Amino acid sequence: MNASAVARRMALCCRQLAARGLVAGRDGNLSVRLAAERVLVTPSGFIKSLVTAADMVEVDLDGKRLRRSSRKPTSELDLHLQILRHRPDVQAVVHAHPPMATGFAVAGQEIPGNLLPELIFVVGRVPLVPFGMPGTPELGERVIPYLQGTDCDALLLANHGAVTMGRTLDEAWIRMESLEHAARIIAAARDIGEPRPLSAQAVEKLLALRAPPRPQREKDG
């Protein structure tokens, strides 16, 4: 897709995230890699249910705006850029505040990765990242250890929200919806009784069915 088509898809994703209650008001932000050094991101301070394709902001991997615009990039830009720098396979990032998944993050709990086949297959492991101040480089720095040598395509941000990644925006978007759906099911299961985990063998098979191995990043030097 060209930049215009990507921007339209991003605006649609923002509206859908808002409609499904995964963001509220100005919450949440998206990024999509257009080329090796070009990224399209959502603007800062815009209500996501009203954002349009024309509102998107193009930046490079250092965060510099590449086209004249009165709009500022998302305040969580550093979070997105750290992910895109450290994960060359990732083409899109979705950051939202899904209520139940964020509830796990506020409670200081990871979402169990051995209960639901769909969560394992679609999303994978979902570690909990220690708290980093929103809108500051600290948040981006917090996620770096979870981007190196791992297969994490989703992260819980302690006391904040969640991040999902994908080879396309649709893939990252689907993972956000799937993450929240799984969190709701797991919370419901806990209300009913003691959740019964899948066997280690079943988890292993599901993980093996996920996306093909990612290319290894070249080491510095």
N, C-alpha and C. Protein backbone atom coordinates (compact mmCIF):
# COMPACT_ATOMS: atom_id res chain seq x y z
N MET A 1 0.84 -1.20 0.00
CA MET A 1 0.00 0.00 0.00
C MET A 1 0.87 1.25 0.00
N ASN A 2 0.41 2.29 -0.71
CA ASN A 2 1.12 3.55 -0.66
C ASN A 2 0.76 4.31 0.61
N ALA A 3 1.42 5.46 0.81
CA ALA A 3 1.23 6.21 2.06
C ALA A 3 -0.22 6.63 2.28
N SER A 4 -0.90 7.02 1.20
CA SER A 4 -2.29 7.46 1.33
C SER A 4 -3.19 6.31 1.78
N ALA A 5 -2.97 5.13 1.18
CA ALA A 5 -3.77 3.97 1.55
C ALA A 5 -3.48 3.55 2.99
N VAL A 6 -2.21 3.61 3.38
CA VAL A 6 -1.84 3.27 4.76
C VAL A 6 -2.51 4.24 5.74
N ALA A 7 -2.50 5.52 5.40
CA ALA A 7 -3.12 6.53 6.28
C ALA A 7 -4.61 6.28 6.45
N ARG A 8 -5.27 5.90 5.37
CA ARG A 8 -6.71 5.61 5.45
C ARG A 8 -6.97 4.39 6.34
N ARG A 9 -6.11 3.38 6.20
CA ARG A 9 -6.27 2.18 7.02
C ARG A 9 -6.01 2.49 8.49
N MET A 10 -5.05 3.36 8.76
CA MET A 10 -4.76 3.76 10.14
C MET A 10 -5.95 4.50 10.75
N ALA A 11 -6.57 5.39 9.96
CA ALA A 11 -7.73 6.12 10.47
C ALA A 11 -8.87 5.17 10.78
N LEU A 12 -9.07 4.17 9.90
CA LEU A 12 -10.11 3.16 10.15
C LEU A 12 -9.80 2.39 11.42
N CYS A 13 -8.55 1.99 11.60
CA CYS A 13 -8.16 1.24 12.79
C CYS A 13 -8.43 2.06 14.05
N CYS A 14 -8.09 3.34 14.02
CA CYS A 14 -8.34 4.21 15.17
C CYS A 14 -9.83 4.24 15.52
N ARG A 15 -10.67 4.37 14.51
CA ARG A 15 -12.12 4.42 14.75
C ARG A 15 -12.62 3.11 15.32
N GLN A 16 -12.10 2.00 14.81
CA GLN A 16 -12.54 0.70 15.29
C GLN A 16 -12.07 0.43 16.73
N LEU A 17 -10.84 0.83 17.03
CA LEU A 17 -10.35 0.68 18.40
C LEU A 17 -11.24 1.45 19.37
N ALA A 18 -11.64 2.67 18.95
CA ALA A 18 -12.51 3.48 19.79
C ALA A 18 -13.90 2.85 19.91
N ALA A 19 -14.44 2.36 18.80
CA ALA A 19 -15.77 1.77 18.80
C ALA A 19 -15.84 0.52 19.68
N ARG A 20 -14.74 -0.22 19.75
CA ARG A 20 -14.70 -1.45 20.55
C ARG A 20 -14.26 -1.19 21.99
N GLY A 21 -14.06 0.08 22.34
CA GLY A 21 -13.70 0.41 23.71
C GLY A 21 -12.27 0.08 24.08
N LEU A 22 -11.40 -0.08 23.09
CA LEU A 22 -10.00 -0.39 23.37
C LEU A 22 -9.18 0.88 23.59
N VAL A 23 -9.73 2.01 23.19
CA VAL A 23 -9.16 3.32 23.52
C VAL A 23 -10.33 4.24 23.88
N ALA A 24 -10.02 5.33 24.55
CA ALA A 24 -11.05 6.32 24.89
C ALA A 24 -10.49 7.71 24.63
N GLY A 25 -11.30 8.57 24.03
CA GLY A 25 -10.86 9.94 23.79
C GLY A 25 -9.59 10.00 22.97
N ARG A 26 -8.56 10.62 23.55
CA ARG A 26 -7.29 10.80 22.84
C ARG A 26 -6.31 9.64 23.06
N ASP A 27 -6.72 8.64 23.82
CA ASP A 27 -5.83 7.52 24.13
C ASP A 27 -5.37 6.79 22.87
N GLY A 28 -4.25 6.10 23.00
CA GLY A 28 -3.80 5.18 21.97
C GLY A 28 -3.07 5.84 20.82
N ASN A 29 -2.29 5.05 20.09
CA ASN A 29 -1.54 5.54 18.95
C ASN A 29 -1.08 4.38 18.08
N LEU A 30 -0.83 4.68 16.81
CA LEU A 30 -0.42 3.68 15.83
C LEU A 30 0.81 4.15 15.08
N SER A 31 1.54 3.20 14.53
CA SER A 31 2.63 3.52 13.61
C SER A 31 2.71 2.44 12.56
N VAL A 32 3.08 2.85 11.33
CA VAL A 32 3.27 1.90 10.24
C VAL A 32 4.54 2.30 9.49
N ARG A 33 5.39 1.33 9.25
CA ARG A 33 6.63 1.57 8.52
C ARG A 33 6.31 1.67 7.02
N LEU A 34 6.65 2.81 6.42
CA LEU A 34 6.43 3.01 4.99
C LEU A 34 7.63 2.55 4.17
N ALA A 35 8.81 2.72 4.72
CA ALA A 35 10.07 2.32 4.08
C ALA A 35 11.09 2.16 5.19
N ALA A 36 12.32 1.83 4.83
CA ALA A 36 13.35 1.56 5.84
C ALA A 36 13.47 2.70 6.86
N GLU A 37 13.39 3.94 6.40
CA GLU A 37 13.60 5.09 7.29
C GLU A 37 12.39 6.01 7.38
N ARG A 38 11.23 5.54 6.94
CA ARG A 38 10.03 6.37 6.95
C ARG A 38 8.91 5.67 7.69
N VAL A 39 8.26 6.42 8.58
CA VAL A 39 7.20 5.86 9.42
C VAL A 39 6.03 6.83 9.44
N LEU A 40 4.82 6.30 9.34
CA LEU A 40 3.61 7.11 9.48
C LEU A 40 3.03 6.85 10.85
N VAL A 41 2.74 7.92 11.60
CA VAL A 41 2.23 7.78 12.96
C VAL A 41 0.99 8.63 13.16
N THR A 42 0.22 8.29 14.16
CA THR A 42 -0.95 9.09 14.50
C THR A 42 -0.50 10.40 15.16
N PRO A 43 -1.34 11.43 15.05
CA PRO A 43 -1.00 12.73 15.63
C PRO A 43 -1.25 12.79 17.12
N SER A 44 -0.61 13.71 17.77
CA SER A 44 -0.79 13.91 19.21
C SER A 44 -2.05 14.71 19.49
N GLY A 45 -2.79 14.29 20.51
CA GLY A 45 -3.90 15.08 21.01
C GLY A 45 -5.19 14.98 20.23
N PHE A 46 -5.30 14.04 19.28
CA PHE A 46 -6.52 13.92 18.48
C PHE A 46 -7.43 12.83 19.06
N ILE A 47 -8.72 13.08 19.06
CA ILE A 47 -9.70 12.07 19.46
C ILE A 47 -9.69 10.97 18.40
N LYS A 48 -9.45 9.74 18.82
CA LYS A 48 -9.22 8.67 17.86
C LYS A 48 -10.46 8.34 17.02
N SER A 49 -11.63 8.54 17.55
CA SER A 49 -12.83 8.27 16.77
C SER A 49 -13.06 9.30 15.68
N LEU A 50 -12.32 10.41 15.72
CA LEU A 50 -12.49 11.49 14.74
C LEU A 50 -11.27 11.69 13.84
N VAL A 51 -10.19 10.98 14.10
CA VAL A 51 -8.96 11.20 13.35
C VAL A 51 -9.16 10.77 11.89
N THR A 52 -8.52 11.49 10.96
CA THR A 52 -8.65 11.20 9.53
C THR A 52 -7.28 10.84 8.95
N ALA A 53 -7.30 10.35 7.72
CA ALA A 53 -6.05 9.99 7.04
C ALA A 53 -5.14 11.20 6.90
N ALA A 54 -5.71 12.37 6.67
CA ALA A 54 -4.92 13.58 6.48
C ALA A 54 -4.21 14.03 7.76
N ASP A 55 -4.63 13.49 8.91
CA ASP A 55 -4.04 13.89 10.18
C ASP A 55 -2.74 13.15 10.50
N MET A 56 -2.44 12.08 9.78
CA MET A 56 -1.25 11.28 10.09
C MET A 56 0.03 12.07 9.82
N VAL A 57 1.08 11.74 10.57
CA VAL A 57 2.34 12.48 10.51
C VAL A 57 3.46 11.54 10.08
N GLU A 58 4.26 11.96 9.11
CA GLU A 58 5.37 11.13 8.63
C GLU A 58 6.67 11.57 9.30
N VAL A 59 7.40 10.61 9.84
CA VAL A 59 8.67 10.89 10.53
C VAL A 59 9.72 9.89 10.06
N ASP A 60 10.97 10.16 10.41
CA ASP A 60 12.01 9.16 10.18
C ASP A 60 12.25 8.39 11.48
N LEU A 61 13.20 7.47 11.45
CA LEU A 61 13.42 6.62 12.64
C LEU A 61 14.08 7.37 13.79
N ASP A 62 14.47 8.62 13.55
CA ASP A 62 14.96 9.47 14.64
C ASP A 62 13.86 10.36 15.18
N GLY A 63 12.68 10.27 14.59
CA GLY A 63 11.55 11.07 15.06
C GLY A 63 11.40 12.43 14.39
N LYS A 64 12.21 12.71 13.39
CA LYS A 64 12.15 13.99 12.69
C LYS A 64 11.01 13.97 11.67
N ARG A 65 10.18 15.03 11.69
CA ARG A 65 9.09 15.11 10.72
C ARG A 65 9.65 15.28 9.32
N LEU A 66 9.11 14.53 8.37
CA LEU A 66 9.64 14.54 7.01
C LEU A 66 8.84 15.45 6.08
N ARG A 67 7.67 15.84 6.49
CA ARG A 67 6.86 16.74 5.68
C ARG A 67 6.31 17.85 6.57
N ARG A 68 6.12 19.00 5.96
CA ARG A 68 5.56 20.11 6.73
C ARG A 68 4.17 19.77 7.21
N SER A 69 3.95 19.99 8.47
CA SER A 69 2.65 19.71 9.06
C SER A 69 2.51 20.49 10.35
N SER A 70 1.29 20.99 10.60
CA SER A 70 1.04 21.68 11.86
C SER A 70 0.80 20.69 12.98
N ARG A 71 0.67 19.42 12.63
CA ARG A 71 0.39 18.39 13.62
C ARG A 71 1.68 17.83 14.20
N LYS A 72 1.61 17.49 15.46
CA LYS A 72 2.75 16.86 16.12
C LYS A 72 2.54 15.35 16.15
N PRO A 73 3.61 14.58 16.04
CA PRO A 73 3.45 13.13 16.15
C PRO A 73 3.04 12.73 17.56
N THR A 74 2.49 11.56 17.70
CA THR A 74 2.07 11.04 18.99
C THR A 74 3.12 11.26 20.08
N SER A 75 2.67 11.53 21.28
CA SER A 75 3.59 11.72 22.41
C SER A 75 4.32 10.43 22.77
N GLU A 76 3.80 9.29 22.29
CA GLU A 76 4.45 8.00 22.54
C GLU A 76 5.35 7.59 21.37
N LEU A 77 5.81 8.57 20.62
CA LEU A 77 6.62 8.29 19.43
C LEU A 77 7.83 7.44 19.76
N ASP A 78 8.50 7.72 20.86
CA ASP A 78 9.71 6.97 21.19
C ASP A 78 9.42 5.49 21.41
N LEU A 79 8.28 5.18 21.98
CA LEU A 79 7.88 3.78 22.17
C LEU A 79 7.82 3.07 20.82
N HIS A 80 7.16 3.70 19.86
CA HIS A 80 7.02 3.10 18.53
C HIS A 80 8.37 2.97 17.84
N LEU A 81 9.17 4.02 17.91
CA LEU A 81 10.45 3.99 17.19
C LEU A 81 11.41 2.97 17.78
N GLN A 82 11.40 2.80 19.09
CA GLN A 82 12.26 1.78 19.69
C GLN A 82 11.88 0.39 19.17
N ILE A 83 10.60 0.13 19.08
CA ILE A 83 10.15 -1.16 18.57
C ILE A 83 10.56 -1.34 17.12
N LEU A 84 10.35 -0.33 16.30
CA LEU A 84 10.66 -0.43 14.87
C LEU A 84 12.17 -0.52 14.63
N ARG A 85 12.96 0.13 15.48
CA ARG A 85 14.43 0.05 15.32
C ARG A 85 14.94 -1.33 15.68
N HIS A 86 14.41 -1.90 16.76
CA HIS A 86 14.93 -3.16 17.28
C HIS A 86 14.28 -4.39 16.65
N ARG A 87 13.18 -4.20 15.96
CA ARG A 87 12.49 -5.33 15.34
C ARG A 87 12.27 -5.03 13.85
N PRO A 88 13.26 -5.28 13.02
CA PRO A 88 13.12 -4.99 11.59
C PRO A 88 12.00 -5.77 10.91
N ASP A 89 11.55 -6.86 11.52
CA ASP A 89 10.44 -7.62 10.95
C ASP A 89 9.10 -6.96 11.21
N VAL A 90 9.03 -6.09 12.20
CA VAL A 90 7.77 -5.42 12.55
C VAL A 90 7.53 -4.25 11.60
N GLN A 91 6.35 -4.23 11.02
CA GLN A 91 5.97 -3.15 10.10
C GLN A 91 4.91 -2.22 10.70
N ALA A 92 4.28 -2.64 11.78
CA ALA A 92 3.22 -1.82 12.38
C ALA A 92 3.13 -2.08 13.87
N VAL A 93 2.77 -1.03 14.60
CA VAL A 93 2.65 -1.10 16.06
C VAL A 93 1.33 -0.45 16.46
N VAL A 94 0.60 -1.11 17.35
CA VAL A 94 -0.64 -0.57 17.90
C VAL A 94 -0.49 -0.46 19.41
N HIS A 95 -0.72 0.73 19.94
CA HIS A 95 -0.71 0.92 21.39
C HIS A 95 -2.11 1.36 21.80
N ALA A 96 -2.70 0.63 22.74
CA ALA A 96 -4.05 0.95 23.19
C ALA A 96 -4.17 0.69 24.68
N HIS A 97 -5.36 0.95 25.22
CA HIS A 97 -5.63 0.73 26.64
C HIS A 97 -6.83 -0.20 26.78
N PRO A 98 -6.73 -1.43 26.28
CA PRO A 98 -7.85 -2.37 26.40
C PRO A 98 -8.17 -2.64 27.87
N PRO A 99 -9.40 -2.45 28.31
CA PRO A 99 -9.71 -2.45 29.74
C PRO A 99 -9.30 -3.70 30.51
N MET A 100 -9.65 -4.88 30.02
CA MET A 100 -9.35 -6.08 30.80
C MET A 100 -7.86 -6.40 30.76
N ALA A 101 -7.25 -6.31 29.59
CA ALA A 101 -5.81 -6.57 29.50
C ALA A 101 -5.03 -5.57 30.34
N THR A 102 -5.47 -4.31 30.30
CA THR A 102 -4.81 -3.29 31.12
C THR A 102 -5.05 -3.56 32.60
N GLY A 103 -6.19 -4.15 32.92
CA GLY A 103 -6.44 -4.54 34.30
C GLY A 103 -5.39 -5.51 34.82
N PHE A 104 -4.99 -6.48 33.97
CA PHE A 104 -3.90 -7.38 34.35
C PHE A 104 -2.63 -6.56 34.62
N ALA A 105 -2.35 -5.59 33.73
CA ALA A 105 -1.14 -4.78 33.86
C ALA A 105 -1.16 -3.94 35.14
N VAL A 106 -2.33 -3.41 35.49
CA VAL A 106 -2.46 -2.61 36.70
C VAL A 106 -2.31 -3.49 37.94
N ALA A 107 -2.76 -4.74 37.83
CA ALA A 107 -2.63 -5.68 38.95
C ALA A 107 -1.23 -6.28 39.03
N GLY A 108 -0.37 -5.93 38.08
CA GLY A 108 0.99 -6.46 38.09
C GLY A 108 1.08 -7.91 37.67
N GLN A 109 0.14 -8.34 36.82
CA GLN A 109 0.10 -9.74 36.39
C GLN A 109 0.27 -9.87 34.89
N GLU A 110 1.02 -10.89 34.47
CA GLU A 110 1.06 -11.24 33.06
C GLU A 110 -0.22 -11.99 32.71
N ILE A 111 -0.59 -11.96 31.45
CA ILE A 111 -1.72 -12.78 30.99
C ILE A 111 -1.19 -14.18 30.74
N PRO A 112 -1.73 -15.20 31.41
CA PRO A 112 -1.19 -16.56 31.27
C PRO A 112 -1.14 -17.01 29.81
N GLY A 113 -0.03 -17.61 29.44
CA GLY A 113 0.16 -18.02 28.06
C GLY A 113 -0.06 -19.49 27.82
N ASN A 114 -0.80 -20.15 28.72
CA ASN A 114 -1.01 -21.60 28.56
C ASN A 114 -2.47 -22.00 28.74
N LEU A 115 -3.38 -21.04 28.47
CA LEU A 115 -4.81 -21.33 28.69
C LEU A 115 -5.63 -21.37 27.41
N LEU A 116 -5.35 -20.48 26.47
CA LEU A 116 -6.18 -20.35 25.27
C LEU A 116 -5.38 -20.59 24.00
N PRO A 117 -5.77 -21.57 23.17
CA PRO A 117 -5.06 -21.80 21.92
C PRO A 117 -4.99 -20.57 21.02
N GLU A 118 -6.09 -19.81 20.95
CA GLU A 118 -6.13 -18.64 20.07
C GLU A 118 -5.12 -17.59 20.52
N LEU A 119 -4.99 -17.39 21.83
CA LEU A 119 -4.03 -16.41 22.33
C LEU A 119 -2.61 -16.86 22.00
N ILE A 120 -2.33 -18.12 22.19
CA ILE A 120 -0.98 -18.64 21.92
C ILE A 120 -0.65 -18.51 20.44
N PHE A 121 -1.60 -18.91 19.57
CA PHE A 121 -1.35 -18.95 18.15
C PHE A 121 -1.32 -17.55 17.53
N VAL A 122 -2.28 -16.71 17.89
CA VAL A 122 -2.40 -15.39 17.26
C VAL A 122 -1.47 -14.37 17.88
N VAL A 123 -1.35 -14.39 19.20
CA VAL A 123 -0.61 -13.34 19.90
C VAL A 123 0.74 -13.82 20.42
N GLY A 124 0.79 -15.00 21.00
CA GLY A 124 2.04 -15.49 21.58
C GLY A 124 2.20 -15.06 23.02
N ARG A 125 3.42 -15.12 23.51
CA ARG A 125 3.70 -14.75 24.90
C ARG A 125 3.47 -13.26 25.12
N VAL A 126 2.94 -12.90 26.29
CA VAL A 126 2.63 -11.50 26.58
C VAL A 126 3.27 -11.11 27.91
N PRO A 127 4.54 -10.72 27.91
CA PRO A 127 5.20 -10.34 29.16
C PRO A 127 4.72 -8.97 29.67
N LEU A 128 4.98 -8.74 30.94
CA LEU A 128 4.63 -7.47 31.58
C LEU A 128 5.89 -6.61 31.68
N VAL A 129 5.85 -5.45 31.05
CA VAL A 129 6.98 -4.51 31.05
C VAL A 129 6.86 -3.59 32.26
N PRO A 130 7.95 -3.40 33.03
CA PRO A 130 7.89 -2.49 34.18
C PRO A 130 7.45 -1.09 33.78
N PHE A 131 6.87 -0.39 34.73
CA PHE A 131 6.32 0.94 34.45
C PHE A 131 7.38 1.91 33.94
N GLY A 132 7.00 2.63 32.89
CA GLY A 132 7.80 3.72 32.37
C GLY A 132 6.88 4.91 32.19
N MET A 133 7.34 6.11 32.49
CA MET A 133 6.49 7.29 32.43
C MET A 133 5.96 7.50 31.01
N PRO A 134 4.64 7.53 30.82
CA PRO A 134 4.09 7.75 29.48
C PRO A 134 4.55 9.08 28.88
N GLY A 135 4.74 9.07 27.57
CA GLY A 135 5.12 10.29 26.88
C GLY A 135 6.57 10.69 27.05
N THR A 136 7.39 9.80 27.60
CA THR A 136 8.81 10.09 27.80
C THR A 136 9.66 8.96 27.21
N PRO A 137 10.94 9.22 26.94
CA PRO A 137 11.82 8.16 26.43
C PRO A 137 11.93 6.97 27.37
N GLU A 138 11.64 7.17 28.65
CA GLU A 138 11.73 6.07 29.61
C GLU A 138 10.85 4.89 29.20
N LEU A 139 9.65 5.19 28.69
CA LEU A 139 8.74 4.11 28.30
C LEU A 139 9.34 3.29 27.15
N GLY A 140 9.91 3.99 26.17
CA GLY A 140 10.55 3.28 25.07
C GLY A 140 11.72 2.44 25.53
N GLU A 141 12.49 2.96 26.47
CA GLU A 141 13.64 2.22 26.98
C GLU A 141 13.21 0.97 27.73
N ARG A 142 12.06 1.03 28.39
CA ARG A 142 11.58 -0.11 29.17
C ARG A 142 11.30 -1.34 28.29
N VAL A 143 10.87 -1.09 27.04
CA VAL A 143 10.48 -2.24 26.21
C VAL A 143 11.66 -2.90 25.50
N ILE A 144 12.80 -2.22 25.44
CA ILE A 144 13.93 -2.74 24.66
C ILE A 144 14.32 -4.16 25.06
N PRO A 145 14.45 -4.50 26.34
CA PRO A 145 14.84 -5.88 26.69
C PRO A 145 13.88 -6.95 26.17
N TYR A 146 12.65 -6.56 25.85
CA TYR A 146 11.65 -7.53 25.39
C TYR A 146 11.61 -7.62 23.86
N LEU A 147 12.52 -6.92 23.21
CA LEU A 147 12.55 -6.89 21.74
C LEU A 147 13.76 -7.60 21.17
N GLN A 148 14.65 -8.05 22.03
CA GLN A 148 15.90 -8.62 21.56
C GLN A 148 15.93 -10.13 21.80
N GLY A 149 16.03 -10.87 20.72
CA GLY A 149 16.14 -12.31 20.83
C GLY A 149 14.89 -12.99 21.35
N THR A 150 13.73 -12.36 21.21
CA THR A 150 12.47 -12.95 21.68
C THR A 150 11.48 -13.00 20.53
N ASP A 151 10.36 -13.65 20.79
CA ASP A 151 9.30 -13.70 19.77
C ASP A 151 8.04 -13.02 20.30
N CYS A 152 8.21 -12.00 21.11
CA CYS A 152 7.06 -11.30 21.69
C CYS A 152 6.44 -10.36 20.66
N ASP A 153 5.16 -10.55 20.37
CA ASP A 153 4.43 -9.66 19.48
C ASP A 153 3.39 -8.85 20.23
N ALA A 154 3.39 -8.99 21.55
CA ALA A 154 2.49 -8.21 22.40
C ALA A 154 3.14 -8.00 23.75
N LEU A 155 2.92 -6.83 24.30
CA LEU A 155 3.48 -6.49 25.61
C LEU A 155 2.41 -5.81 26.45
N LEU A 156 2.37 -6.14 27.73
CA LEU A 156 1.59 -5.36 28.67
C LEU A 156 2.51 -4.31 29.27
N LEU A 157 2.02 -3.09 29.39
CA LEU A 157 2.79 -2.00 29.99
C LEU A 157 2.23 -1.75 31.38
N ALA A 158 3.02 -1.98 32.41
CA ALA A 158 2.54 -1.89 33.78
C ALA A 158 1.83 -0.56 34.04
N ASN A 159 0.63 -0.65 34.58
CA ASN A 159 -0.18 0.52 34.95
C ASN A 159 -0.47 1.45 33.79
N HIS A 160 -0.47 0.92 32.57
CA HIS A 160 -0.61 1.81 31.42
C HIS A 160 -1.49 1.25 30.32
N GLY A 161 -1.12 0.13 29.71
CA GLY A 161 -1.89 -0.37 28.58
C GLY A 161 -1.21 -1.55 27.93
N ALA A 162 -1.33 -1.64 26.62
CA ALA A 162 -0.75 -2.77 25.89
C ALA A 162 -0.22 -2.31 24.54
N VAL A 163 0.71 -3.08 24.01
CA VAL A 163 1.28 -2.83 22.68
C VAL A 163 1.25 -4.14 21.91
N THR A 164 0.82 -4.08 20.66
CA THR A 164 0.90 -5.24 19.79
C THR A 164 1.64 -4.86 18.51
N MET A 165 2.28 -5.84 17.89
CA MET A 165 3.12 -5.61 16.71
C MET A 165 2.74 -6.60 15.63
N GLY A 166 3.04 -6.25 14.38
CA GLY A 166 2.74 -7.17 13.30
C GLY A 166 3.50 -6.85 12.03
N ARG A 167 3.43 -7.79 11.09
CA ARG A 167 4.04 -7.60 9.78
C ARG A 167 3.19 -6.68 8.92
N THR A 168 1.95 -6.47 9.35
CA THR A 168 1.04 -5.51 8.72
C THR A 168 0.27 -4.82 9.84
N LEU A 169 -0.38 -3.71 9.50
CA LEU A 169 -1.22 -3.05 10.49
C LEU A 169 -2.37 -3.96 10.90
N ASP A 170 -2.96 -4.65 9.94
CA ASP A 170 -4.07 -5.54 10.27
C ASP A 170 -3.64 -6.61 11.27
N GLU A 171 -2.44 -7.14 11.11
CA GLU A 171 -1.96 -8.18 12.03
C GLU A 171 -1.80 -7.62 13.44
N ALA A 172 -1.21 -6.44 13.56
CA ALA A 172 -1.06 -5.82 14.88
C ALA A 172 -2.42 -5.48 15.49
N TRP A 173 -3.33 -5.03 14.66
CA TRP A 173 -4.69 -4.67 15.07
C TRP A 173 -5.43 -5.91 15.58
N ILE A 174 -5.37 -7.00 14.80
CA ILE A 174 -6.01 -8.24 15.21
C ILE A 174 -5.46 -8.72 16.55
N ARG A 175 -4.16 -8.61 16.72
CA ARG A 175 -3.55 -9.06 17.97
C ARG A 175 -4.06 -8.25 19.17
N MET A 176 -4.28 -6.96 18.97
CA MET A 176 -4.81 -6.15 20.08
C MET A 176 -6.22 -6.61 20.45
N GLU A 177 -7.06 -6.84 19.45
CA GLU A 177 -8.42 -7.30 19.74
C GLU A 177 -8.39 -8.70 20.38
N SER A 178 -7.53 -9.57 19.87
CA SER A 178 -7.43 -10.93 20.41
C SER A 178 -6.91 -10.93 21.83
N LEU A 179 -5.96 -10.04 22.12
CA LEU A 179 -5.41 -9.93 23.47
C LEU A 179 -6.49 -9.55 24.47
N GLU A 180 -7.28 -8.55 24.12
CA GLU A 180 -8.35 -8.13 25.03
C GLU A 180 -9.41 -9.21 25.18
N HIS A 181 -9.76 -9.86 24.09
CA HIS A 181 -10.77 -10.93 24.14
C HIS A 181 -10.30 -12.06 25.06
N ALA A 182 -9.03 -12.43 24.92
CA ALA A 182 -8.46 -13.49 25.76
C ALA A 182 -8.44 -13.07 27.23
N ALA A 183 -8.08 -11.82 27.50
CA ALA A 183 -8.04 -11.34 28.89
C ALA A 183 -9.43 -11.43 29.53
N ARG A 184 -10.46 -11.11 28.75
CA ARG A 184 -11.83 -11.20 29.27
C ARG A 184 -12.21 -12.65 29.58
N ILE A 185 -11.85 -13.56 28.69
CA ILE A 185 -12.18 -14.96 28.89
C ILE A 185 -11.46 -15.51 30.13
N ILE A 186 -10.19 -15.17 30.28
CA ILE A 186 -9.42 -15.67 31.41
C ILE A 186 -9.97 -15.11 32.73
N ALA A 187 -10.33 -13.82 32.73
CA ALA A 187 -10.92 -13.24 33.93
C ALA A 187 -12.25 -13.91 34.26
N ALA A 188 -13.06 -14.22 33.23
CA ALA A 188 -14.33 -14.91 33.45
C ALA A 188 -14.10 -16.31 34.00
N ALA A 189 -13.10 -17.00 33.47
CA ALA A 189 -12.79 -18.36 33.95
C ALA A 189 -12.39 -18.34 35.42
N ARG A 190 -11.63 -17.31 35.81
CA ARG A 190 -11.23 -17.21 37.21
C ARG A 190 -12.42 -16.95 38.12
N ASP A 191 -13.43 -16.23 37.61
CA ASP A 191 -14.64 -16.00 38.40
C ASP A 191 -15.43 -17.29 38.59
N ILE A 192 -15.36 -18.16 37.58
CA ILE A 192 -16.13 -19.41 37.61
C ILE A 192 -15.43 -20.48 38.45
N GLY A 193 -14.10 -20.54 38.31
CA GLY A 193 -13.35 -21.56 39.03
C GLY A 193 -11.87 -21.43 38.74
N GLU A 194 -11.15 -22.52 38.86
CA GLU A 194 -9.71 -22.53 38.63
C GLU A 194 -9.44 -22.87 37.16
N PRO A 195 -8.86 -21.94 36.38
CA PRO A 195 -8.57 -22.24 34.98
C PRO A 195 -7.65 -23.46 34.84
N ARG A 196 -7.93 -24.28 33.84
CA ARG A 196 -7.13 -25.48 33.61
C ARG A 196 -6.17 -25.23 32.44
N PRO A 197 -4.88 -25.25 32.70
CA PRO A 197 -3.92 -24.95 31.63
C PRO A 197 -3.82 -26.07 30.61
N LEU A 198 -3.41 -25.70 29.41
CA LEU A 198 -3.10 -26.68 28.38
C LEU A 198 -1.81 -27.41 28.76
N SER A 199 -1.61 -28.57 28.20
CA SER A 199 -0.37 -29.29 28.46
C SER A 199 0.81 -28.56 27.83
N ALA A 200 1.98 -28.81 28.35
CA ALA A 200 3.19 -28.20 27.79
C ALA A 200 3.37 -28.60 26.33
N GLN A 201 3.01 -29.84 26.00
CA GLN A 201 3.13 -30.31 24.62
C GLN A 201 2.20 -29.54 23.69
N ALA A 202 0.98 -29.28 24.14
CA ALA A 202 0.02 -28.55 23.31
C ALA A 202 0.50 -27.12 23.08
N VAL A 203 1.01 -26.48 24.14
CA VAL A 203 1.53 -25.12 24.00
C VAL A 203 2.69 -25.09 23.01
N GLU A 204 3.55 -26.09 23.11
CA GLU A 204 4.71 -26.17 22.21
C GLU A 204 4.27 -26.29 20.76
N LYS A 205 3.27 -27.12 20.49
CA LYS A 205 2.78 -27.31 19.14
C LYS A 205 2.15 -26.03 18.59
N LEU A 206 1.39 -25.34 19.43
CA LEU A 206 0.75 -24.09 19.00
C LEU A 206 1.78 -23.03 18.68
N LEU A 207 2.81 -22.93 19.50
CA LEU A 207 3.87 -21.96 19.24
C LEU A 207 4.60 -22.28 17.95
N ALA A 208 4.77 -23.56 17.67
CA ALA A 208 5.46 -23.98 16.44
C ALA A 208 4.66 -23.64 15.20
N LEU A 209 3.35 -23.51 15.35
CA LEU A 209 2.48 -23.19 14.21
C LEU A 209 2.42 -21.69 13.91
N ARG A 210 3.01 -20.89 14.77
CA ARG A 210 2.97 -19.44 14.59
C ARG A 210 3.80 -19.01 13.38
N ALA A 211 4.03 -17.73 13.26
CA ALA A 211 4.74 -17.18 12.10
C ALA A 211 6.10 -17.83 11.94
N PRO A 212 6.64 -17.90 10.70
CA PRO A 212 7.97 -18.47 10.48
C PRO A 212 9.03 -17.69 11.22
N PRO A 213 10.20 -18.31 11.45
CA PRO A 213 11.28 -17.63 12.18
C PRO A 213 11.64 -16.29 11.56
N ARG A 214 11.89 -15.32 12.43
CA ARG A 214 12.27 -13.99 11.96
C ARG A 214 13.75 -13.92 11.65
N PRO A 215 14.14 -13.05 10.71
CA PRO A 215 15.57 -12.90 10.44
C PRO A 215 16.29 -12.34 11.64
N GLN A 216 17.50 -12.82 11.88
CA GLN A 216 18.29 -12.33 13.00
C GLN A 216 18.84 -10.96 12.70
N ARG A 217 18.82 -10.08 13.69
CA ARG A 217 19.43 -8.76 13.52
C ARG A 217 20.95 -8.90 13.49
N GLU A 218 21.56 -8.09 12.64
CA GLU A 218 23.02 -8.11 12.59
C GLU A 218 23.58 -7.45 13.84
N LYS A 219 24.64 -8.03 14.36
CA LYS A 219 25.24 -7.46 15.56
C LYS A 219 26.05 -6.22 15.20
N ASP A 220 26.03 -5.24 16.09
CA ASP A 220 26.80 -4.02 15.86
C ASP A 220 28.29 -4.36 15.79
N GLY A 221 28.97 -3.67 14.91
CA GLY A 221 30.42 -3.87 14.81
C GLY A 221 30.75 -5.05 13.96
